[in-house]
Amino acid sequence: MYYLKISGTVVNPAPQTMQVAIQDIDAKATRDAQGLLHRDRVATKRKINLTFGALTVPECSKILRLVEAEFFSVEYLDPNTGGMKTGRFYVGDRTAPIYTFVDSLPVWKNLSFDLIEQ
């Protein structure tokens, strides 16, 4: 079964979209006189972009509280390995626009943020 888990909690409702970027981290990259690139790759890390559909106030709050620690565990489907992978991540900027109001209560839509591997 595939799911997204943050700090041991399955994220529910699930994100509407999830994009996994596989990033090479270089300590140094230079080009020589012939234009050839020489790199000192030190790691390969993941950045996961999440966007959620319509959320109630409690749902939005619950999701944002899952990512408020400085670092936390994330279990996700990794496109490279084809299976579930767990890593230590931190969160980037969080955006939570209000979509509409229903009975004077806001409905959030397109809550989005990046999870960046430590």
PDB file of N, CA and C in Angstrom:
ATOM      1  N   MET A   1       0.840  -1.182   0.000  1.00  0.00           N
ATOM      2  CA  MET A   1       0.000   0.000   0.000  1.00  0.00           C
ATOM      3  C   MET A   1       0.883   1.243   0.000  1.00  0.00           C
ATOM      4  N   TYR A   2       0.478   2.245  -0.757  1.00  0.00           N
ATOM      5  CA  TYR A   2       1.219   3.494  -0.852  1.00  0.00           C
ATOM      6  C   TYR A   2       0.520   4.574  -0.034  1.00  0.00           C
ATOM      7  N   TYR A   3       1.313   5.377   0.652  1.00  0.00           N
ATOM      8  CA  TYR A   3       0.789   6.432   1.502  1.00  0.00           C
ATOM      9  C   TYR A   3       1.912   7.421   1.768  1.00  0.00           C
ATOM     10  N   LEU A   4       1.554   8.531   2.362  1.00  0.00           N
ATOM     11  CA  LEU A   4       2.531   9.517   2.819  1.00  0.00           C
ATOM     12  C   LEU A   4       2.415   9.575   4.329  1.00  0.00           C
ATOM     13  N   LYS A   5       3.527   9.390   5.016  1.00  0.00           N
ATOM     14  CA  LYS A   5       3.531   9.395   6.466  1.00  0.00           C
ATOM     15  C   LYS A   5       4.553  10.417   6.944  1.00  0.00           C
ATOM     16  N   ILE A   6       4.128  11.311   7.824  1.00  0.00           N
ATOM     17  CA  ILE A   6       5.014  12.322   8.405  1.00  0.00           C
ATOM     18  C   ILE A   6       5.023  12.131   9.910  1.00  0.00           C
ATOM     19  N   SER A   7       6.216  12.000  10.476  1.00  0.00           N
ATOM     20  CA  SER A   7       6.375  11.791  11.924  1.00  0.00           C
ATOM     21  C   SER A   7       5.513  10.639  12.424  1.00  0.00           C
ATOM     22  N   GLY A   8       5.417   9.577  11.630  1.00  0.00           N
ATOM     23  CA  GLY A   8       4.672   8.393  12.029  1.00  0.00           C
ATOM     24  C   GLY A   8       3.174   8.462  11.812  1.00  0.00           C
ATOM     25  N   THR A   9       2.668   9.583  11.265  1.00  0.00           N
ATOM     26  CA  THR A   9       1.234   9.762  11.045  1.00  0.00           C
ATOM     27  C   THR A   9       0.923   9.759   9.555  1.00  0.00           C
ATOM     28  N   VAL A  10      -0.022   8.914   9.139  1.00  0.00           N
ATOM     29  CA  VAL A  10      -0.458   8.919   7.741  1.00  0.00           C
ATOM     30  C   VAL A  10      -1.177  10.229   7.471  1.00  0.00           C
ATOM     31  N   VAL A  11      -0.770  10.921   6.418  1.00  0.00           N
ATOM     32  CA  VAL A  11      -1.365  12.208   6.062  1.00  0.00           C
ATOM     33  C   VAL A  11      -2.725  11.949   5.418  1.00  0.00           C
ATOM     34  N   ASN A  12      -3.773  12.478   6.091  1.00  0.00           N
ATOM     35  CA  ASN A  12      -5.131  12.269   5.633  1.00  0.00           C
ATOM     36  C   ASN A  12      -5.918  13.555   5.872  1.00  0.00           C
ATOM     37  N   PRO A  13      -6.466  14.161   4.834  1.00  0.00           N
ATOM     38  CA  PRO A  13      -6.530  13.665   3.472  1.00  0.00           C
ATOM     39  C   PRO A  13      -5.169  13.684   2.781  1.00  0.00           C
ATOM     40  N   ALA A  14      -5.039  12.786   1.831  1.00  0.00           N
ATOM     41  CA  ALA A  14      -3.788  12.682   1.075  1.00  0.00           C
ATOM     42  C   ALA A  14      -3.611  13.915   0.200  1.00  0.00           C
ATOM     43  N   PRO A  15      -2.364  14.237  -0.156  1.00  0.00           N
ATOM     44  CA  PRO A  15      -2.153  15.377  -1.054  1.00  0.00           C
ATOM     45  C   PRO A  15      -2.801  15.140  -2.419  1.00  0.00           C
ATOM     46  N   GLN A  16      -3.222  16.230  -3.020  1.00  0.00           N
ATOM     47  CA  GLN A  16      -3.796  16.161  -4.366  1.00  0.00           C
ATOM     48  C   GLN A  16      -2.697  15.887  -5.384  1.00  0.00           C
ATOM     49  N   THR A  17      -1.542  16.522  -5.184  1.00  0.00           N
ATOM     50  CA  THR A  17      -0.381  16.253  -6.036  1.00  0.00           C
ATOM     51  C   THR A  17       0.858  16.102  -5.160  1.00  0.00           C
ATOM     52  N   MET A  18       1.760  15.258  -5.627  1.00  0.00           N
ATOM     53  CA  MET A  18       3.046  15.041  -4.955  1.00  0.00           C
ATOM     54  C   MET A  18       4.102  14.881  -6.037  1.00  0.00           C
ATOM     55  N   GLN A  19       5.108  15.735  -5.995  1.00  0.00           N
ATOM     56  CA  GLN A  19       6.202  15.656  -6.958  1.00  0.00           C
ATOM     57  C   GLN A  19       7.489  15.402  -6.194  1.00  0.00           C
ATOM     58  N   VAL A  20       8.231  14.377  -6.614  1.00  0.00           N
ATOM     59  CA  VAL A  20       9.497  14.050  -5.969  1.00  0.00           C
ATOM     60  C   VAL A  20      10.626  14.455  -6.907  1.00  0.00           C
ATOM     61  N   ALA A  21      11.464  15.371  -6.448  1.00  0.00           N
ATOM     62  CA  ALA A  21      12.647  15.780  -7.212  1.00  0.00           C
ATOM     63  C   ALA A  21      13.854  15.062  -6.623  1.00  0.00           C
ATOM     64  N   ILE A  22      14.680  14.499  -7.495  1.00  0.00           N
ATOM     65  CA  ILE A  22      15.917  13.832  -7.077  1.00  0.00           C
ATOM     66  C   ILE A  22      17.052  14.781  -7.413  1.00  0.00           C
ATOM     67  N   GLN A  23      17.743  15.256  -6.370  1.00  0.00           N
ATOM     68  CA  GLN A  23      18.730  16.320  -6.541  1.00  0.00           C
ATOM     69  C   GLN A  23      20.128  15.842  -6.157  1.00  0.00           C
ATOM     70  N   ASP A  24      21.087  16.108  -7.026  1.00  0.00           N
ATOM     71  CA  ASP A  24      22.494  15.874  -6.694  1.00  0.00           C
ATOM     72  C   ASP A  24      23.027  17.083  -5.943  1.00  0.00           C
ATOM     73  N   ILE A  25      23.747  16.835  -4.868  1.00  0.00           N
ATOM     74  CA  ILE A  25      24.358  17.900  -4.079  1.00  0.00           C
ATOM     75  C   ILE A  25      25.858  17.842  -4.331  1.00  0.00           C
ATOM     76  N   ASP A  26      26.412  18.931  -4.875  1.00  0.00           N
ATOM     77  CA  ASP A  26      27.837  19.014  -5.172  1.00  0.00           C
ATOM     78  C   ASP A  26      28.535  19.901  -4.159  1.00  0.00           C
ATOM     79  N   ALA A  27      29.699  19.453  -3.689  1.00  0.00           N
ATOM     80  CA  ALA A  27      30.525  20.312  -2.833  1.00  0.00           C
ATOM     81  C   ALA A  27      31.210  21.360  -3.701  1.00  0.00           C
ATOM     82  N   LYS A  28      31.591  20.940  -4.917  1.00  0.00           N
ATOM     83  CA  LYS A  28      32.267  21.846  -5.830  1.00  0.00           C
ATOM     84  C   LYS A  28      32.050  21.334  -7.249  1.00  0.00           C
ATOM     85  N   ALA A  29      31.832  22.251  -8.177  1.00  0.00           N
ATOM     86  CA  ALA A  29      31.729  21.914  -9.597  1.00  0.00           C
ATOM     87  C   ALA A  29      32.443  23.004 -10.378  1.00  0.00           C
ATOM     88  N   THR A  30      33.391  22.590 -11.201  1.00  0.00           N
ATOM     89  CA  THR A  30      34.158  23.551 -12.003  1.00  0.00           C
ATOM     90  C   THR A  30      34.315  23.018 -13.415  1.00  0.00           C
ATOM     91  N   ARG A  31      34.617  23.912 -14.337  1.00  0.00           N
ATOM     92  CA  ARG A  31      34.909  23.523 -15.725  1.00  0.00           C
ATOM     93  C   ARG A  31      36.368  23.818 -16.016  1.00  0.00           C
ATOM     94  N   ASP A  32      36.985  22.914 -16.778  1.00  0.00           N
ATOM     95  CA  ASP A  32      38.386  23.117 -17.144  1.00  0.00           C
ATOM     96  C   ASP A  32      38.482  23.919 -18.446  1.00  0.00           C
ATOM     97  N   ALA A  33      39.691  24.093 -18.954  1.00  0.00           N
ATOM     98  CA  ALA A  33      39.928  24.907 -20.151  1.00  0.00           C
ATOM     99  C   ALA A  33      39.240  24.338 -21.389  1.00  0.00           C
ATOM    100  N   GLN A  34      38.963  23.031 -21.400  1.00  0.00           N
ATOM    101  CA  GLN A  34      38.260  22.414 -22.532  1.00  0.00           C
ATOM    102  C   GLN A  34      36.743  22.442 -22.353  1.00  0.00           C
ATOM    103  N   GLY A  35      36.280  23.018 -21.245  1.00  0.00           N
ATOM    104  CA  GLY A  35      34.845  23.115 -20.995  1.00  0.00           C
ATOM    105  C   GLY A  35      34.246  21.880 -20.343  1.00  0.00           C
ATOM    106  N   LEU A  36      35.081  20.907 -19.945  1.00  0.00           N
ATOM    107  CA  LEU A  36      34.565  19.708 -19.287  1.00  0.00           C
ATOM    108  C   LEU A  36      34.242  20.002 -17.822  1.00  0.00           C
ATOM    109  N   LEU A  37      33.134  19.473 -17.373  1.00  0.00           N
ATOM    110  CA  LEU A  37      32.706  19.679 -15.996  1.00  0.00           C
ATOM    111  C   LEU A  37      33.370  18.655 -15.086  1.00  0.00           C
ATOM    112  N   HIS A  38      33.896  19.125 -13.978  1.00  0.00           N
ATOM    113  CA  HIS A  38      34.448  18.271 -12.927  1.00  0.00           C
ATOM    114  C   HIS A  38      33.637  18.563 -11.678  1.00  0.00           C
ATOM    115  N   ARG A  39      33.048  17.503 -11.105  1.00  0.00           N
ATOM    116  CA  ARG A  39      32.185  17.696  -9.951  1.00  0.00           C
ATOM    117  C   ARG A  39      32.609  16.828  -8.783  1.00  0.00           C
ATOM    118  N   ASP A  40      32.293  17.332  -7.628  1.00  0.00           N
ATOM    119  CA  ASP A  40      32.503  16.602  -6.391  1.00  0.00           C
ATOM    120  C   ASP A  40      31.125  16.391  -5.774  1.00  0.00           C
ATOM    121  N   ARG A  41      30.415  15.344  -6.292  1.00  0.00           N
ATOM    122  CA  ARG A  41      29.071  15.054  -5.782  1.00  0.00           C
ATOM    123  C   ARG A  41      29.208  14.398  -4.415  1.00  0.00           C
ATOM    124  N   VAL A  42      28.535  14.993  -3.425  1.00  0.00           N
ATOM    125  CA  VAL A  42      28.647  14.476  -2.065  1.00  0.00           C
ATOM    126  C   VAL A  42      27.394  13.725  -1.617  1.00  0.00           C
ATOM    127  N   ALA A  43      26.261  13.956  -2.283  1.00  0.00           N
ATOM    128  CA  ALA A  43      25.026  13.281  -1.882  1.00  0.00           C
ATOM    129  C   ALA A  43      23.966  13.424  -2.956  1.00  0.00           C
ATOM    130  N   THR A  44      22.972  12.552  -2.889  1.00  0.00           N
ATOM    131  CA  THR A  44      21.763  12.673  -3.684  1.00  0.00           C
ATOM    132  C   THR A  44      20.609  12.752  -2.699  1.00  0.00           C
ATOM    133  N   LYS A  45      19.809  13.802  -2.802  1.00  0.00           N
ATOM    134  CA  LYS A  45      18.729  14.061  -1.847  1.00  0.00           C
ATOM    135  C   LYS A  45      17.406  14.204  -2.577  1.00  0.00           C
ATOM    136  N   ARG A  46      16.318  14.122  -1.808  1.00  0.00           N
ATOM    137  CA  ARG A  46      14.975  14.269  -2.353  1.00  0.00           C
ATOM    138  C   ARG A  46      14.343  15.580  -1.872  1.00  0.00           C
ATOM    139  N   LYS A  47      13.555  16.171  -2.736  1.00  0.00           N
ATOM    140  CA  LYS A  47      12.691  17.289  -2.376  1.00  0.00           C
ATOM    141  C   LYS A  47      11.291  16.909  -2.839  1.00  0.00           C
ATOM    142  N   ILE A  48      10.343  16.903  -1.915  1.00  0.00           N
ATOM    143  CA  ILE A  48       8.977  16.486  -2.204  1.00  0.00           C
ATOM    144  C   ILE A  48       8.070  17.708  -2.137  1.00  0.00           C
ATOM    145  N   ASN A  49       7.430  18.028  -3.260  1.00  0.00           N
ATOM    146  CA  ASN A  49       6.486  19.141  -3.306  1.00  0.00           C
ATOM    147  C   ASN A  49       5.085  18.577  -3.143  1.00  0.00           C
ATOM    148  N   LEU A  50       4.350  19.095  -2.146  1.00  0.00           N
ATOM    149  CA  LEU A  50       2.999  18.623  -1.863  1.00  0.00           C
ATOM    150  C   LEU A  50       2.004  19.755  -2.062  1.00  0.00           C
ATOM    151  N   THR A  51       0.866  19.434  -2.662  1.00  0.00           N
ATOM    152  CA  THR A  51      -0.245  20.368  -2.784  1.00  0.00           C
ATOM    153  C   THR A  51      -1.517  19.613  -2.424  1.00  0.00           C
ATOM    154  N   PHE A  52      -2.334  20.232  -1.581  1.00  0.00           N
ATOM    155  CA  PHE A  52      -3.559  19.599  -1.105  1.00  0.00           C
ATOM    156  C   PHE A  52      -4.766  20.272  -1.738  1.00  0.00           C
ATOM    157  N   GLY A  53      -5.860  19.532  -1.844  1.00  0.00           N
ATOM    158  CA  GLY A  53      -7.123  20.067  -2.340  1.00  0.00           C
ATOM    159  C   GLY A  53      -7.818  20.839  -1.230  1.00  0.00           C
ATOM    160  N   ALA A  54      -9.135  20.887  -1.289  1.00  0.00           N
ATOM    161  CA  ALA A  54      -9.920  21.609  -0.288  1.00  0.00           C
ATOM    162  C   ALA A  54      -9.755  20.947   1.079  1.00  0.00           C
ATOM    163  N   LEU A  55      -9.496  21.788   2.098  1.00  0.00           N
ATOM    164  CA  LEU A  55      -9.288  21.302   3.465  1.00  0.00           C
ATOM    165  C   LEU A  55     -10.130  22.116   4.433  1.00  0.00           C
ATOM    166  N   THR A  56     -10.680  21.432   5.420  1.00  0.00           N
ATOM    167  CA  THR A  56     -11.353  22.143   6.503  1.00  0.00           C
ATOM    168  C   THR A  56     -10.280  22.790   7.378  1.00  0.00           C
ATOM    169  N   VAL A  57     -10.711  23.670   8.269  1.00  0.00           N
ATOM    170  CA  VAL A  57      -9.774  24.320   9.186  1.00  0.00           C
ATOM    171  C   VAL A  57      -9.019  23.277  10.017  1.00  0.00           C
ATOM    172  N   PRO A  58      -9.704  22.279  10.628  1.00  0.00           N
ATOM    173  CA  PRO A  58      -8.969  21.280  11.408  1.00  0.00           C
ATOM    174  C   PRO A  58      -8.008  20.434  10.561  1.00  0.00           C
ATOM    175  N   GLU A  59      -8.401  20.083   9.331  1.00  0.00           N
ATOM    176  CA  GLU A  59      -7.519  19.284   8.469  1.00  0.00           C
ATOM    177  C   GLU A  59      -6.255  20.053   8.124  1.00  0.00           C
ATOM    178  N   CYS A  60      -6.400  21.325   7.747  1.00  0.00           N
ATOM    179  CA  CYS A  60      -5.252  22.158   7.392  1.00  0.00           C
ATOM    180  C   CYS A  60      -4.316  22.301   8.595  1.00  0.00           C
ATOM    181  N   SER A  61      -4.878  22.575   9.747  1.00  0.00           N
ATOM    182  CA  SER A  61      -4.094  22.736  10.963  1.00  0.00           C
ATOM    183  C   SER A  61      -3.340  21.455  11.309  1.00  0.00           C
ATOM    184  N   LYS A  62      -3.997  20.313  11.189  1.00  0.00           N
ATOM    185  CA  LYS A  62      -3.369  19.018  11.510  1.00  0.00           C
ATOM    186  C   LYS A  62      -2.157  18.774  10.612  1.00  0.00           C
ATOM    187  N   ILE A  63      -2.310  19.035   9.319  1.00  0.00           N
ATOM    188  CA  ILE A  63      -1.207  18.815   8.380  1.00  0.00           C
ATOM    189  C   ILE A  63      -0.045  19.755   8.703  1.00  0.00           C
ATOM    190  N   LEU A  64      -0.335  21.024   8.947  1.00  0.00           N
ATOM    191  CA  LEU A  64       0.734  21.987   9.238  1.00  0.00           C
ATOM    192  C   LEU A  64       1.457  21.669  10.553  1.00  0.00           C
ATOM    193  N   ARG A  65       0.728  21.144  11.525  1.00  0.00           N
ATOM    194  CA  ARG A  65       1.376  20.764  12.788  1.00  0.00           C
ATOM    195  C   ARG A  65       2.307  19.570  12.611  1.00  0.00           C
ATOM    196  N   LEU A  66       2.053  18.715  11.620  1.00  0.00           N
ATOM    197  CA  LEU A  66       2.936  17.568  11.368  1.00  0.00           C
ATOM    198  C   LEU A  66       4.330  18.009  10.933  1.00  0.00           C
ATOM    199  N   VAL A  67       4.445  19.205  10.345  1.00  0.00           N
ATOM    200  CA  VAL A  67       5.736  19.648   9.787  1.00  0.00           C
ATOM    201  C   VAL A  67       6.340  20.815  10.559  1.00  0.00           C
ATOM    202  N   GLU A  68       5.886  21.074  11.782  1.00  0.00           N
ATOM    203  CA  GLU A  68       6.408  22.240  12.499  1.00  0.00           C
ATOM    204  C   GLU A  68       7.712  21.982  13.247  1.00  0.00           C
ATOM    205  N   ALA A  69       8.130  20.740  13.423  1.00  0.00           N
ATOM    206  CA  ALA A  69       9.415  20.464  14.069  1.00  0.00           C
ATOM    207  C   ALA A  69      10.558  20.871  13.133  1.00  0.00           C
ATOM    208  N   GLU A  70      11.741  21.056  13.704  1.00  0.00           N
ATOM    209  CA  GLU A  70      12.900  21.429  12.894  1.00  0.00           C
ATOM    210  C   GLU A  70      13.224  20.349  11.866  1.00  0.00           C
ATOM    211  N   PHE A  71      13.210  19.088  12.272  1.00  0.00           N
ATOM    212  CA  PHE A  71      13.404  17.933  11.390  1.00  0.00           C
ATOM    213  C   PHE A  71      12.403  16.856  11.794  1.00  0.00           C
ATOM    214  N   PHE A  72      11.993  16.022  10.830  1.00  0.00           N
ATOM    215  CA  PHE A  72      11.012  14.976  11.098  1.00  0.00           C
ATOM    216  C   PHE A  72      11.170  13.875  10.055  1.00  0.00           C
ATOM    217  N   SER A  73      10.625  12.698  10.358  1.00  0.00           N
ATOM    218  CA  SER A  73      10.697  11.574   9.422  1.00  0.00           C
ATOM    219  C   SER A  73       9.552  11.669   8.414  1.00  0.00           C
ATOM    220  N   VAL A  74       9.848  11.246   7.186  1.00  0.00           N
ATOM    221  CA  VAL A  74       8.841  11.184   6.123  1.00  0.00           C
ATOM    222  C   VAL A  74       8.976   9.830   5.443  1.00  0.00           C
ATOM    223  N   GLU A  75       7.860   9.132   5.303  1.00  0.00           N
ATOM    224  CA  GLU A  75       7.819   7.881   4.555  1.00  0.00           C
ATOM    225  C   GLU A  75       6.968   8.127   3.320  1.00  0.00           C
ATOM    226  N   TYR A  76       7.516   7.817   2.152  1.00  0.00           N
ATOM    227  CA  TYR A  76       6.872   8.190   0.888  1.00  0.00           C
ATOM    228  C   TYR A  76       7.236   7.180  -0.193  1.00  0.00           C
ATOM    229  N   LEU A  77       6.484   7.200  -1.284  1.00  0.00           N
ATOM    230  CA  LEU A  77       6.783   6.364  -2.443  1.00  0.00           C
ATOM    231  C   LEU A  77       7.895   7.040  -3.234  1.00  0.00           C
ATOM    232  N   ASP A  78       9.029   6.366  -3.362  1.00  0.00           N
ATOM    233  CA  ASP A  78      10.170   6.931  -4.082  1.00  0.00           C
ATOM    234  C   ASP A  78      10.150   6.443  -5.532  1.00  0.00           C
ATOM    235  N   PRO A  79      10.155   7.362  -6.504  1.00  0.00           N
ATOM    236  CA  PRO A  79      10.085   6.943  -7.906  1.00  0.00           C
ATOM    237  C   PRO A  79      11.342   6.211  -8.384  1.00  0.00           C
ATOM    238  N   ASN A  80      12.477   6.465  -7.749  1.00  0.00           N
ATOM    239  CA  ASN A  80      13.725   5.837  -8.160  1.00  0.00           C
ATOM    240  C   ASN A  80      13.800   4.377  -7.722  1.00  0.00           C
ATOM    241  N   THR A  81      13.437   4.104  -6.484  1.00  0.00           N
ATOM    242  CA  THR A  81      13.508   2.734  -5.969  1.00  0.00           C
ATOM    243  C   THR A  81      12.261   1.936  -6.291  1.00  0.00           C
ATOM    244  N   GLY A  82      11.141   2.635  -6.556  1.00  0.00           N
ATOM    245  CA  GLY A  82       9.883   1.956  -6.844  1.00  0.00           C
ATOM    246  C   GLY A  82       9.194   1.422  -5.599  1.00  0.00           C
ATOM    247  N   GLY A  83       9.669   1.824  -4.433  1.00  0.00           N
ATOM    248  CA  GLY A  83       9.067   1.361  -3.186  1.00  0.00           C
ATOM    249  C   GLY A  83       9.022   2.475  -2.163  1.00  0.00           C
ATOM    250  N   MET A  84       8.556   2.126  -0.993  1.00  0.00           N
ATOM    251  CA  MET A  84       8.469   3.090   0.091  1.00  0.00           C
ATOM    252  C   MET A  84       9.869   3.364   0.633  1.00  0.00           C
ATOM    253  N   LYS A  85      10.119   4.627   0.976  1.00  0.00           N
ATOM    254  CA  LYS A  85      11.412   5.050   1.493  1.00  0.00           C
ATOM    255  C   LYS A  85      11.165   5.998   2.663  1.00  0.00           C
ATOM    256  N   THR A  86      12.018   5.932   3.666  1.00  0.00           N
ATOM    257  CA  THR A  86      11.920   6.822   4.814  1.00  0.00           C
ATOM    258  C   THR A  86      13.167   7.686   4.881  1.00  0.00           C
ATOM    259  N   GLY A  87      12.981   8.964   5.145  1.00  0.00           N
ATOM    260  CA  GLY A  87      14.108   9.888   5.261  1.00  0.00           C
ATOM    261  C   GLY A  87      13.819  10.943   6.308  1.00  0.00           C
ATOM    262  N   ARG A  88      14.852  11.715   6.618  1.00  0.00           N
ATOM    263  CA  ARG A  88      14.739  12.816   7.578  1.00  0.00           C
ATOM    264  C   ARG A  88      14.648  14.111   6.768  1.00  0.00           C
ATOM    265  N   PHE A  89      13.607  14.895   7.016  1.00  0.00           N
ATOM    266  CA  PHE A  89      13.302  16.066   6.206  1.00  0.00           C
ATOM    267  C   PHE A  89      13.062  17.293   7.075  1.00  0.00           C
ATOM    268  N   TYR A  90      13.057  18.445   6.412  1.00  0.00           N
ATOM    269  CA  TYR A  90      12.571  19.687   7.007  1.00  0.00           C
ATOM    270  C   TYR A  90      11.626  20.325   5.994  1.00  0.00           C
ATOM    271  N   VAL A  91      10.855  21.321   6.442  1.00  0.00           N
ATOM    272  CA  VAL A  91       9.851  21.923   5.566  1.00  0.00           C
ATOM    273  C   VAL A  91      10.315  23.302   5.098  1.00  0.00           C
ATOM    274  N   GLY A  92       9.947  23.639   3.861  1.00  0.00           N
ATOM    275  CA  GLY A  92      10.185  24.982   3.330  1.00  0.00           C
ATOM    276  C   GLY A  92       8.996  25.876   3.652  1.00  0.00           C
ATOM    277  N   ASP A  93       8.842  26.943   2.904  1.00  0.00           N
ATOM    278  CA  ASP A  93       7.724  27.875   3.108  1.00  0.00           C
ATOM    279  C   ASP A  93       6.406  27.148   2.892  1.00  0.00           C
ATOM    280  N   ARG A  94       5.432  27.487   3.734  1.00  0.00           N
ATOM    281  CA  ARG A  94       4.105  26.921   3.641  1.00  0.00           C
ATOM    282  C   ARG A  94       3.130  27.996   3.166  1.00  0.00           C
ATOM    283  N   THR A  95       2.296  27.658   2.160  1.00  0.00           N
ATOM    284  CA  THR A  95       1.305  28.585   1.617  1.00  0.00           C
ATOM    285  C   THR A  95      -0.077  27.963   1.782  1.00  0.00           C
ATOM    286  N   ALA A  96      -0.998  28.730   2.377  1.00  0.00           N
ATOM    287  CA  ALA A  96      -2.351  28.217   2.634  1.00  0.00           C
ATOM    288  C   ALA A  96      -3.397  29.253   2.231  1.00  0.00           C
ATOM    289  N   PRO A  97      -3.762  29.317   0.953  1.00  0.00           N
ATOM    290  CA  PRO A  97      -4.782  30.279   0.532  1.00  0.00           C
ATOM    291  C   PRO A  97      -6.194  29.816   0.899  1.00  0.00           C
ATOM    292  N   ILE A  98      -7.035  30.770   1.269  1.00  0.00           N
ATOM    293  CA  ILE A  98      -8.445  30.468   1.534  1.00  0.00           C
ATOM    294  C   ILE A  98      -9.171  30.402   0.194  1.00  0.00           C
ATOM    295  N   TYR A  99      -9.931  29.345  -0.004  1.00  0.00           N
ATOM    296  CA  TYR A  99     -10.666  29.126  -1.243  1.00  0.00           C
ATOM    297  C   TYR A  99     -12.040  29.786  -1.186  1.00  0.00           C
ATOM    298  N   THR A 100     -12.742  29.541  -0.091  1.00  0.00           N
ATOM    299  CA  THR A 100     -14.096  30.076   0.051  1.00  0.00           C
ATOM    300  C   THR A 100     -14.488  30.026   1.518  1.00  0.00           C
ATOM    301  N   PHE A 101     -15.674  30.521   1.818  1.00  0.00           N
ATOM    302  CA  PHE A 101     -16.237  30.416   3.166  1.00  0.00           C
ATOM    303  C   PHE A 101     -17.547  29.642   3.071  1.00  0.00           C
ATOM    304  N   VAL A 102     -17.736  28.696   3.997  1.00  0.00           N
ATOM    305  CA  VAL A 102     -18.974  27.934   4.064  1.00  0.00           C
ATOM    306  C   VAL A 102     -19.514  28.106   5.483  1.00  0.00           C
ATOM    307  N   ASP A 103     -20.700  28.674   5.598  1.00  0.00           N
ATOM    308  CA  ASP A 103     -21.283  28.970   6.922  1.00  0.00           C
ATOM    309  C   ASP A 103     -20.303  29.756   7.782  1.00  0.00           C
ATOM    310  N   SER A 104     -19.672  30.751   7.201  1.00  0.00           N
ATOM    311  CA  SER A 104     -18.703  31.645   7.865  1.00  0.00           C
ATOM    312  C   SER A 104     -17.400  30.961   8.255  1.00  0.00           C
ATOM    313  N   LEU A 105     -17.195  29.724   7.841  1.00  0.00           N
ATOM    314  CA  LEU A 105     -15.937  29.024   8.126  1.00  0.00           C
ATOM    315  C   LEU A 105     -15.103  28.946   6.847  1.00  0.00           C
ATOM    316  N   PRO A 106     -13.801  29.229   6.940  1.00  0.00           N
ATOM    317  CA  PRO A 106     -12.966  29.165   5.741  1.00  0.00           C
ATOM    318  C   PRO A 106     -12.734  27.726   5.286  1.00  0.00           C
ATOM    319  N   VAL A 107     -12.607  27.563   3.991  1.00  0.00           N
ATOM    320  CA  VAL A 107     -12.169  26.300   3.393  1.00  0.00           C
ATOM    321  C   VAL A 107     -10.855  26.612   2.700  1.00  0.00           C
ATOM    322  N   TRP A 108      -9.810  25.931   3.100  1.00  0.00           N
ATOM    323  CA  TRP A 108      -8.490  26.137   2.515  1.00  0.00           C
ATOM    324  C   TRP A 108      -8.363  25.292   1.255  1.00  0.00           C
ATOM    325  N   LYS A 109      -7.687  25.810   0.251  1.00  0.00           N
ATOM    326  CA  LYS A 109      -7.436  25.025  -0.966  1.00  0.00           C
ATOM    327  C   LYS A 109      -6.048  25.359  -1.470  1.00  0.00           C
ATOM    328  N   ASN A 110      -5.354  24.340  -1.896  1.00  0.00           N
ATOM    329  CA  ASN A 110      -4.005  24.451  -2.437  1.00  0.00           C
ATOM    330  C   ASN A 110      -2.955  24.752  -1.372  1.00  0.00           C
ATOM    331  N   LEU A 111      -3.178  24.251  -0.147  1.00  0.00           N
ATOM    332  CA  LEU A 111      -2.090  24.258   0.837  1.00  0.00           C
ATOM    333  C   LEU A 111      -0.908  23.586   0.166  1.00  0.00           C
ATOM    334  N   SER A 112       0.255  24.237   0.187  1.00  0.00           N
ATOM    335  CA  SER A 112       1.413  23.648  -0.478  1.00  0.00           C
ATOM    336  C   SER A 112       2.692  23.956   0.295  1.00  0.00           C
ATOM    337  N   PHE A 113       3.640  23.016   0.199  1.00  0.00           N
ATOM    338  CA  PHE A 113       4.956  23.183   0.802  1.00  0.00           C
ATOM    339  C   PHE A 113       5.896  22.131   0.257  1.00  0.00           C
ATOM    340  N   ASP A 114       7.185  22.386   0.437  1.00  0.00           N
ATOM    341  CA  ASP A 114       8.222  21.424   0.046  1.00  0.00           C
ATOM    342  C   ASP A 114       8.784  20.766   1.293  1.00  0.00           C
ATOM    343  N   LEU A 115       9.013  19.456   1.184  1.00  0.00           N
ATOM    344  CA  LEU A 115       9.745  18.713   2.192  1.00  0.00           C
ATOM    345  C   LEU A 115      11.125  18.453   1.616  1.00  0.00           C
ATOM    346  N   ILE A 116      12.172  18.899   2.300  1.00  0.00           N
ATOM    347  CA  ILE A 116      13.529  18.827   1.784  1.00  0.00           C
ATOM    348  C   ILE A 116      14.356  17.905   2.650  1.00  0.00           C
ATOM    349  N   GLU A 117      14.980  16.918   2.022  1.00  0.00           N
ATOM    350  CA  GLU A 117      15.757  15.930   2.771  1.00  0.00           C
ATOM    351  C   GLU A 117      16.976  16.582   3.406  1.00  0.00           C
ATOM    352  N   GLN A 118      17.220  16.221   4.662  1.00  0.00           N
ATOM    353  CA  GLN A 118      18.340  16.805   5.417  1.00  0.00           C
ATOM    354  C   GLN A 118      19.674  16.418   4.803  1.00  0.00           C
TER     355      GLN A 118
END
